[in-house]
Amino acid sequence: MTVQFNHTILWVKDPAESAQFLADMLGRPAPTRFGPFHVVDMDNDVSIDFHVTSEPVHSEHYAFLVDEGTFDDVLGRIRERDLPFWGEPDKSMAGEFNTNDGGRGLYWEEPSGHFLEIITRPYGSGGS
């Protein structure tokens, strides 16, 4: 038997806006609709499914492993939109990225306040 992660649901104020934001930032295809969800597909057959909530949104963290070129593309989009970003999850290193495990990583927020992260090397994979 195998077990694979398939999807997660992000509860947001405006699912169309949040899904399009993520797709734009990560250079993904336009979101699709599945029932009440706005779906952003990743390369590994996992999807992020956005659903509306009228309740307060409790920020969650979502990390994406990207290659160096994609990191540069996402960082460029963040800078083009003049979005705040940080090198650490405690929002320290404002306007910088970290070099953990010999790669690069940074954090920023999507429109409903979920904390997004891109990294070029998995944590614990080595490097300085």
N, C-alpha and C. Protein backbone atom coordinates (compact mmCIF):
# COMPACT_ATOMS: atom_id res chain seq x y z
N MET A 1 0.84 -1.18 0.00
CA MET A 1 0.00 0.00 0.00
C MET A 1 0.88 1.24 0.00
N THR A 2 0.50 2.23 -0.79
CA THR A 2 1.22 3.49 -0.79
C THR A 2 0.33 4.58 -0.23
N VAL A 3 0.95 5.61 0.29
CA VAL A 3 0.23 6.78 0.80
C VAL A 3 0.86 8.00 0.16
N GLN A 4 0.05 8.79 -0.48
CA GLN A 4 0.53 10.02 -1.10
C GLN A 4 -0.36 11.18 -0.67
N PHE A 5 0.26 12.31 -0.43
CA PHE A 5 -0.50 13.52 -0.13
C PHE A 5 -1.16 13.98 -1.42
N ASN A 6 -2.47 14.30 -1.36
CA ASN A 6 -3.22 14.62 -2.56
C ASN A 6 -3.63 16.09 -2.65
N HIS A 7 -4.19 16.66 -1.58
CA HIS A 7 -4.62 18.06 -1.61
C HIS A 7 -4.82 18.57 -0.19
N THR A 8 -4.91 19.87 -0.09
CA THR A 8 -5.29 20.51 1.16
C THR A 8 -6.26 21.64 0.82
N ILE A 9 -7.05 22.03 1.81
CA ILE A 9 -8.01 23.11 1.62
C ILE A 9 -7.54 24.32 2.42
N LEU A 10 -7.47 25.45 1.77
CA LEU A 10 -7.19 26.71 2.45
C LEU A 10 -8.50 27.48 2.54
N TRP A 11 -8.90 27.82 3.75
CA TRP A 11 -10.09 28.62 3.99
C TRP A 11 -9.68 30.08 3.90
N VAL A 12 -10.31 30.81 2.99
CA VAL A 12 -9.92 32.19 2.69
C VAL A 12 -11.15 33.07 2.53
N LYS A 13 -10.92 34.37 2.52
CA LYS A 13 -12.02 35.33 2.33
C LYS A 13 -12.51 35.37 0.89
N ASP A 14 -11.60 35.27 -0.07
CA ASP A 14 -11.96 35.33 -1.49
C ASP A 14 -11.17 34.24 -2.22
N PRO A 15 -11.78 33.07 -2.43
CA PRO A 15 -11.04 31.96 -3.02
C PRO A 15 -10.51 32.25 -4.43
N ALA A 16 -11.26 32.98 -5.24
CA ALA A 16 -10.77 33.30 -6.58
C ALA A 16 -9.52 34.15 -6.51
N GLU A 17 -9.54 35.16 -5.63
CA GLU A 17 -8.38 36.05 -5.48
C GLU A 17 -7.17 35.28 -4.95
N SER A 18 -7.37 34.51 -3.90
CA SER A 18 -6.24 33.79 -3.28
C SER A 18 -5.67 32.74 -4.22
N ALA A 19 -6.54 32.01 -4.92
CA ALA A 19 -6.04 30.98 -5.85
C ALA A 19 -5.28 31.62 -7.01
N GLN A 20 -5.81 32.71 -7.55
CA GLN A 20 -5.11 33.38 -8.64
C GLN A 20 -3.78 33.96 -8.17
N PHE A 21 -3.76 34.50 -6.95
CA PHE A 21 -2.52 35.04 -6.38
C PHE A 21 -1.46 33.94 -6.31
N LEU A 22 -1.82 32.79 -5.76
CA LEU A 22 -0.84 31.71 -5.64
C LEU A 22 -0.38 31.24 -7.02
N ALA A 23 -1.31 31.04 -7.93
CA ALA A 23 -0.95 30.61 -9.27
C ALA A 23 -0.01 31.62 -9.93
N ASP A 24 -0.33 32.90 -9.82
CA ASP A 24 0.52 33.94 -10.40
C ASP A 24 1.90 33.95 -9.77
N MET A 25 1.95 33.90 -8.45
CA MET A 25 3.23 34.00 -7.75
C MET A 25 4.14 32.82 -8.06
N LEU A 26 3.57 31.62 -8.14
CA LEU A 26 4.38 30.43 -8.37
C LEU A 26 4.51 30.07 -9.85
N GLY A 27 3.90 30.86 -10.72
CA GLY A 27 3.99 30.57 -12.15
C GLY A 27 3.24 29.31 -12.54
N ARG A 28 2.13 29.05 -11.88
CA ARG A 28 1.32 27.86 -12.15
C ARG A 28 0.23 28.20 -13.17
N PRO A 29 -0.36 27.18 -13.78
CA PRO A 29 -1.50 27.43 -14.67
C PRO A 29 -2.65 28.08 -13.90
N ALA A 30 -3.54 28.70 -14.62
CA ALA A 30 -4.70 29.34 -13.99
C ALA A 30 -5.47 28.33 -13.14
N PRO A 31 -6.02 28.77 -12.02
CA PRO A 31 -6.82 27.87 -11.19
C PRO A 31 -8.02 27.32 -11.96
N THR A 32 -8.42 26.12 -11.59
CA THR A 32 -9.61 25.50 -12.15
C THR A 32 -10.66 25.44 -11.05
N ARG A 33 -11.89 25.13 -11.45
CA ARG A 33 -12.98 25.01 -10.48
C ARG A 33 -13.33 23.54 -10.31
N PHE A 34 -13.59 23.16 -9.07
CA PHE A 34 -14.12 21.84 -8.75
C PHE A 34 -15.12 22.05 -7.63
N GLY A 35 -16.39 22.00 -7.97
CA GLY A 35 -17.42 22.30 -6.97
C GLY A 35 -17.20 23.71 -6.43
N PRO A 36 -17.17 23.87 -5.11
CA PRO A 36 -17.00 25.20 -4.53
C PRO A 36 -15.53 25.65 -4.47
N PHE A 37 -14.62 24.81 -4.94
CA PHE A 37 -13.19 25.07 -4.78
C PHE A 37 -12.57 25.75 -6.00
N HIS A 38 -11.59 26.59 -5.73
CA HIS A 38 -10.69 27.13 -6.75
C HIS A 38 -9.38 26.38 -6.54
N VAL A 39 -8.95 25.62 -7.54
CA VAL A 39 -7.89 24.64 -7.38
C VAL A 39 -6.63 25.08 -8.12
N VAL A 40 -5.49 25.06 -7.41
CA VAL A 40 -4.19 25.32 -8.00
C VAL A 40 -3.41 24.00 -7.96
N ASP A 41 -3.02 23.52 -9.13
CA ASP A 41 -2.29 22.26 -9.23
C ASP A 41 -0.79 22.49 -9.17
N MET A 42 -0.10 21.57 -8.47
CA MET A 42 1.35 21.57 -8.38
C MET A 42 1.89 20.49 -9.30
N ASP A 43 3.20 20.45 -9.50
CA ASP A 43 3.81 19.49 -10.42
C ASP A 43 3.78 18.05 -9.91
N ASN A 44 3.58 17.83 -8.63
CA ASN A 44 3.65 16.48 -8.07
C ASN A 44 2.27 15.89 -7.78
N ASP A 45 1.28 16.26 -8.59
CA ASP A 45 -0.09 15.75 -8.47
C ASP A 45 -0.74 16.09 -7.14
N VAL A 46 -0.33 17.18 -6.54
CA VAL A 46 -0.93 17.71 -5.31
C VAL A 46 -1.63 19.01 -5.70
N SER A 47 -2.75 19.28 -5.07
CA SER A 47 -3.43 20.55 -5.34
C SER A 47 -3.68 21.31 -4.05
N ILE A 48 -3.75 22.62 -4.19
CA ILE A 48 -4.15 23.51 -3.12
C ILE A 48 -5.55 23.99 -3.51
N ASP A 49 -6.54 23.67 -2.68
CA ASP A 49 -7.93 23.95 -2.98
C ASP A 49 -8.42 25.08 -2.08
N PHE A 50 -8.87 26.16 -2.66
CA PHE A 50 -9.30 27.34 -1.91
C PHE A 50 -10.82 27.33 -1.75
N HIS A 51 -11.27 27.59 -0.53
CA HIS A 51 -12.71 27.59 -0.23
C HIS A 51 -13.02 28.83 0.62
N VAL A 52 -14.17 29.41 0.40
CA VAL A 52 -14.56 30.62 1.12
C VAL A 52 -14.94 30.30 2.57
N THR A 53 -14.65 31.24 3.45
CA THR A 53 -15.12 31.17 4.82
C THR A 53 -15.56 32.56 5.24
N SER A 54 -16.59 32.60 6.08
CA SER A 54 -17.02 33.87 6.66
C SER A 54 -16.42 34.04 8.06
N GLU A 55 -15.76 33.01 8.54
CA GLU A 55 -15.11 33.04 9.85
C GLU A 55 -13.76 33.75 9.73
N PRO A 56 -13.18 34.19 10.84
CA PRO A 56 -11.83 34.74 10.78
C PRO A 56 -10.85 33.69 10.23
N VAL A 57 -9.95 34.11 9.38
CA VAL A 57 -8.96 33.20 8.82
C VAL A 57 -7.81 33.07 9.81
N HIS A 58 -7.49 31.85 10.16
CA HIS A 58 -6.35 31.57 11.03
C HIS A 58 -5.18 31.21 10.13
N SER A 59 -4.15 32.02 10.18
CA SER A 59 -3.02 31.86 9.28
C SER A 59 -2.37 30.48 9.44
N GLU A 60 -2.13 29.87 8.30
CA GLU A 60 -1.41 28.61 8.24
C GLU A 60 -0.18 28.81 7.37
N HIS A 61 0.73 27.84 7.42
CA HIS A 61 2.00 27.93 6.70
C HIS A 61 2.04 26.87 5.61
N TYR A 62 2.44 27.28 4.40
CA TYR A 62 2.57 26.37 3.27
C TYR A 62 3.91 26.61 2.61
N ALA A 63 4.73 25.57 2.52
CA ALA A 63 6.07 25.68 1.95
C ALA A 63 6.13 24.95 0.61
N PHE A 64 6.82 25.55 -0.34
CA PHE A 64 6.96 25.00 -1.68
C PHE A 64 8.44 24.86 -2.01
N LEU A 65 8.83 23.66 -2.42
CA LEU A 65 10.20 23.40 -2.86
C LEU A 65 10.28 23.77 -4.33
N VAL A 66 11.19 24.68 -4.67
CA VAL A 66 11.32 25.18 -6.04
C VAL A 66 12.78 25.11 -6.46
N ASP A 67 13.01 25.14 -7.77
CA ASP A 67 14.39 25.19 -8.25
C ASP A 67 14.89 26.64 -8.19
N GLU A 68 16.17 26.82 -8.45
CA GLU A 68 16.77 28.15 -8.34
C GLU A 68 16.14 29.16 -9.30
N GLY A 69 15.85 28.74 -10.53
CA GLY A 69 15.24 29.65 -11.49
C GLY A 69 13.85 30.08 -11.06
N THR A 70 13.07 29.14 -10.54
CA THR A 70 11.73 29.48 -10.06
C THR A 70 11.82 30.39 -8.85
N PHE A 71 12.79 30.15 -7.97
CA PHE A 71 12.99 31.05 -6.82
C PHE A 71 13.19 32.48 -7.32
N ASP A 72 14.08 32.65 -8.30
CA ASP A 72 14.33 33.99 -8.85
C ASP A 72 13.06 34.60 -9.45
N ASP A 73 12.28 33.77 -10.15
CA ASP A 73 11.03 34.26 -10.75
C ASP A 73 10.04 34.72 -9.68
N VAL A 74 9.87 33.90 -8.63
CA VAL A 74 8.93 34.25 -7.56
C VAL A 74 9.41 35.50 -6.83
N LEU A 75 10.70 35.55 -6.51
CA LEU A 75 11.24 36.74 -5.85
C LEU A 75 11.02 37.98 -6.71
N GLY A 76 11.19 37.86 -8.01
CA GLY A 76 10.92 38.98 -8.92
C GLY A 76 9.47 39.42 -8.87
N ARG A 77 8.55 38.46 -8.82
CA ARG A 77 7.13 38.81 -8.74
C ARG A 77 6.79 39.47 -7.41
N ILE A 78 7.39 39.00 -6.34
CA ILE A 78 7.19 39.62 -5.03
C ILE A 78 7.66 41.07 -5.07
N ARG A 79 8.84 41.28 -5.63
CA ARG A 79 9.39 42.65 -5.70
C ARG A 79 8.57 43.53 -6.64
N GLU A 80 8.11 42.98 -7.77
CA GLU A 80 7.28 43.75 -8.71
C GLU A 80 6.01 44.26 -8.03
N ARG A 81 5.44 43.45 -7.17
CA ARG A 81 4.20 43.81 -6.46
C ARG A 81 4.48 44.59 -5.18
N ASP A 82 5.75 44.79 -4.88
CA ASP A 82 6.17 45.50 -3.67
C ASP A 82 5.58 44.86 -2.42
N LEU A 83 5.59 43.52 -2.39
CA LEU A 83 5.08 42.78 -1.24
C LEU A 83 6.17 42.63 -0.18
N PRO A 84 5.82 42.74 1.08
CA PRO A 84 6.82 42.47 2.12
C PRO A 84 7.17 40.98 2.12
N PHE A 85 8.45 40.69 2.38
CA PHE A 85 8.88 39.31 2.53
C PHE A 85 10.00 39.26 3.56
N TRP A 86 10.23 38.07 4.08
CA TRP A 86 11.17 37.89 5.17
C TRP A 86 12.00 36.64 4.95
N GLY A 87 13.19 36.63 5.55
CA GLY A 87 14.07 35.47 5.46
C GLY A 87 13.81 34.43 6.52
N GLU A 88 13.02 34.77 7.52
CA GLU A 88 12.74 33.85 8.63
C GLU A 88 11.25 33.86 8.96
N PRO A 89 10.73 32.76 9.52
CA PRO A 89 9.29 32.68 9.79
C PRO A 89 8.80 33.62 10.88
N ASP A 90 9.70 34.17 11.68
CA ASP A 90 9.29 35.13 12.70
C ASP A 90 9.25 36.55 12.15
N LYS A 91 9.32 36.65 10.82
CA LYS A 91 9.30 37.92 10.09
C LYS A 91 10.53 38.77 10.39
N SER A 92 11.62 38.11 10.73
CA SER A 92 12.90 38.81 10.81
C SER A 92 13.55 38.73 9.43
N MET A 93 14.62 39.43 9.25
CA MET A 93 15.31 39.52 7.96
C MET A 93 14.38 40.10 6.89
N ALA A 94 13.72 41.20 7.21
CA ALA A 94 12.79 41.84 6.27
C ALA A 94 13.52 42.19 4.97
N GLY A 95 12.90 41.83 3.84
CA GLY A 95 13.46 42.14 2.53
C GLY A 95 14.66 41.28 2.16
N GLU A 96 14.88 40.21 2.90
CA GLU A 96 16.02 39.32 2.64
C GLU A 96 15.52 37.89 2.52
N PHE A 97 16.39 37.01 2.04
CA PHE A 97 16.10 35.58 2.03
C PHE A 97 17.18 34.87 2.84
N ASN A 98 16.87 33.67 3.32
CA ASN A 98 17.85 32.90 4.08
C ASN A 98 18.64 31.99 3.14
N THR A 99 19.70 31.40 3.66
CA THR A 99 20.53 30.47 2.88
C THR A 99 20.67 29.15 3.63
N ASN A 100 19.59 28.73 4.26
CA ASN A 100 19.62 27.48 5.02
C ASN A 100 19.93 26.29 4.12
N ASP A 101 20.71 25.37 4.64
CA ASP A 101 21.08 24.14 3.94
C ASP A 101 21.74 24.40 2.59
N GLY A 102 22.36 25.57 2.44
CA GLY A 102 23.05 25.89 1.20
C GLY A 102 22.13 26.30 0.07
N GLY A 103 20.85 26.49 0.37
CA GLY A 103 19.89 26.94 -0.63
C GLY A 103 19.41 28.34 -0.29
N ARG A 104 18.22 28.69 -0.78
CA ARG A 104 17.62 29.97 -0.45
C ARG A 104 16.16 29.74 -0.06
N GLY A 105 15.68 30.62 0.82
CA GLY A 105 14.30 30.53 1.25
C GLY A 105 13.77 31.88 1.67
N LEU A 106 12.46 32.06 1.53
CA LEU A 106 11.82 33.29 1.99
C LEU A 106 10.36 33.03 2.27
N TYR A 107 9.74 33.98 2.97
CA TYR A 107 8.35 33.90 3.40
C TYR A 107 7.62 35.17 2.98
N TRP A 108 6.34 35.02 2.63
CA TRP A 108 5.46 36.15 2.37
C TRP A 108 4.02 35.71 2.60
N GLU A 109 3.09 36.66 2.58
CA GLU A 109 1.69 36.35 2.88
C GLU A 109 0.82 36.45 1.63
N GLU A 110 -0.19 35.58 1.60
CA GLU A 110 -1.19 35.67 0.53
C GLU A 110 -2.32 36.57 1.03
N PRO A 111 -3.28 36.94 0.18
CA PRO A 111 -4.27 37.96 0.54
C PRO A 111 -5.08 37.70 1.82
N SER A 112 -5.34 36.45 2.20
CA SER A 112 -6.08 36.17 3.42
C SER A 112 -5.18 36.00 4.64
N GLY A 113 -3.87 36.11 4.45
CA GLY A 113 -2.94 36.06 5.57
C GLY A 113 -2.22 34.75 5.79
N HIS A 114 -2.44 33.75 4.92
CA HIS A 114 -1.66 32.52 5.05
C HIS A 114 -0.21 32.82 4.72
N PHE A 115 0.68 32.14 5.42
CA PHE A 115 2.12 32.38 5.31
C PHE A 115 2.71 31.40 4.30
N LEU A 116 3.21 31.91 3.19
CA LEU A 116 3.79 31.09 2.13
C LEU A 116 5.30 31.12 2.22
N GLU A 117 5.92 30.02 1.82
CA GLU A 117 7.37 29.91 1.85
C GLU A 117 7.84 29.22 0.58
N ILE A 118 8.96 29.68 0.04
CA ILE A 118 9.64 28.95 -1.02
C ILE A 118 11.04 28.64 -0.53
N ILE A 119 11.49 27.43 -0.83
CA ILE A 119 12.84 26.99 -0.49
C ILE A 119 13.42 26.27 -1.69
N THR A 120 14.74 26.34 -1.83
CA THR A 120 15.39 25.65 -2.94
C THR A 120 16.05 24.35 -2.50
N ARG A 121 16.12 24.12 -1.21
CA ARG A 121 16.63 22.86 -0.69
C ARG A 121 15.77 22.45 0.50
N PRO A 122 15.43 21.18 0.63
CA PRO A 122 14.65 20.74 1.79
C PRO A 122 15.44 20.97 3.08
N TYR A 123 14.74 21.31 4.14
CA TYR A 123 15.40 21.47 5.43
C TYR A 123 16.05 20.17 5.86
N GLY A 124 17.28 20.28 6.37
CA GLY A 124 18.03 19.11 6.81
C GLY A 124 18.76 18.40 5.70
N SER A 125 18.78 18.97 4.49
CA SER A 125 19.40 18.29 3.36
C SER A 125 20.91 18.53 3.26
N GLY A 126 21.44 19.36 4.17
CA GLY A 126 22.88 19.61 4.15
C GLY A 126 23.21 20.98 3.64
N GLY A 127 24.47 21.19 3.44
CA GLY A 127 24.94 22.51 3.01
C GLY A 127 25.22 23.37 4.21
N SER A 128 25.74 24.54 3.94
CA SER A 128 26.12 25.42 5.06
C SER A 128 25.11 26.51 5.26
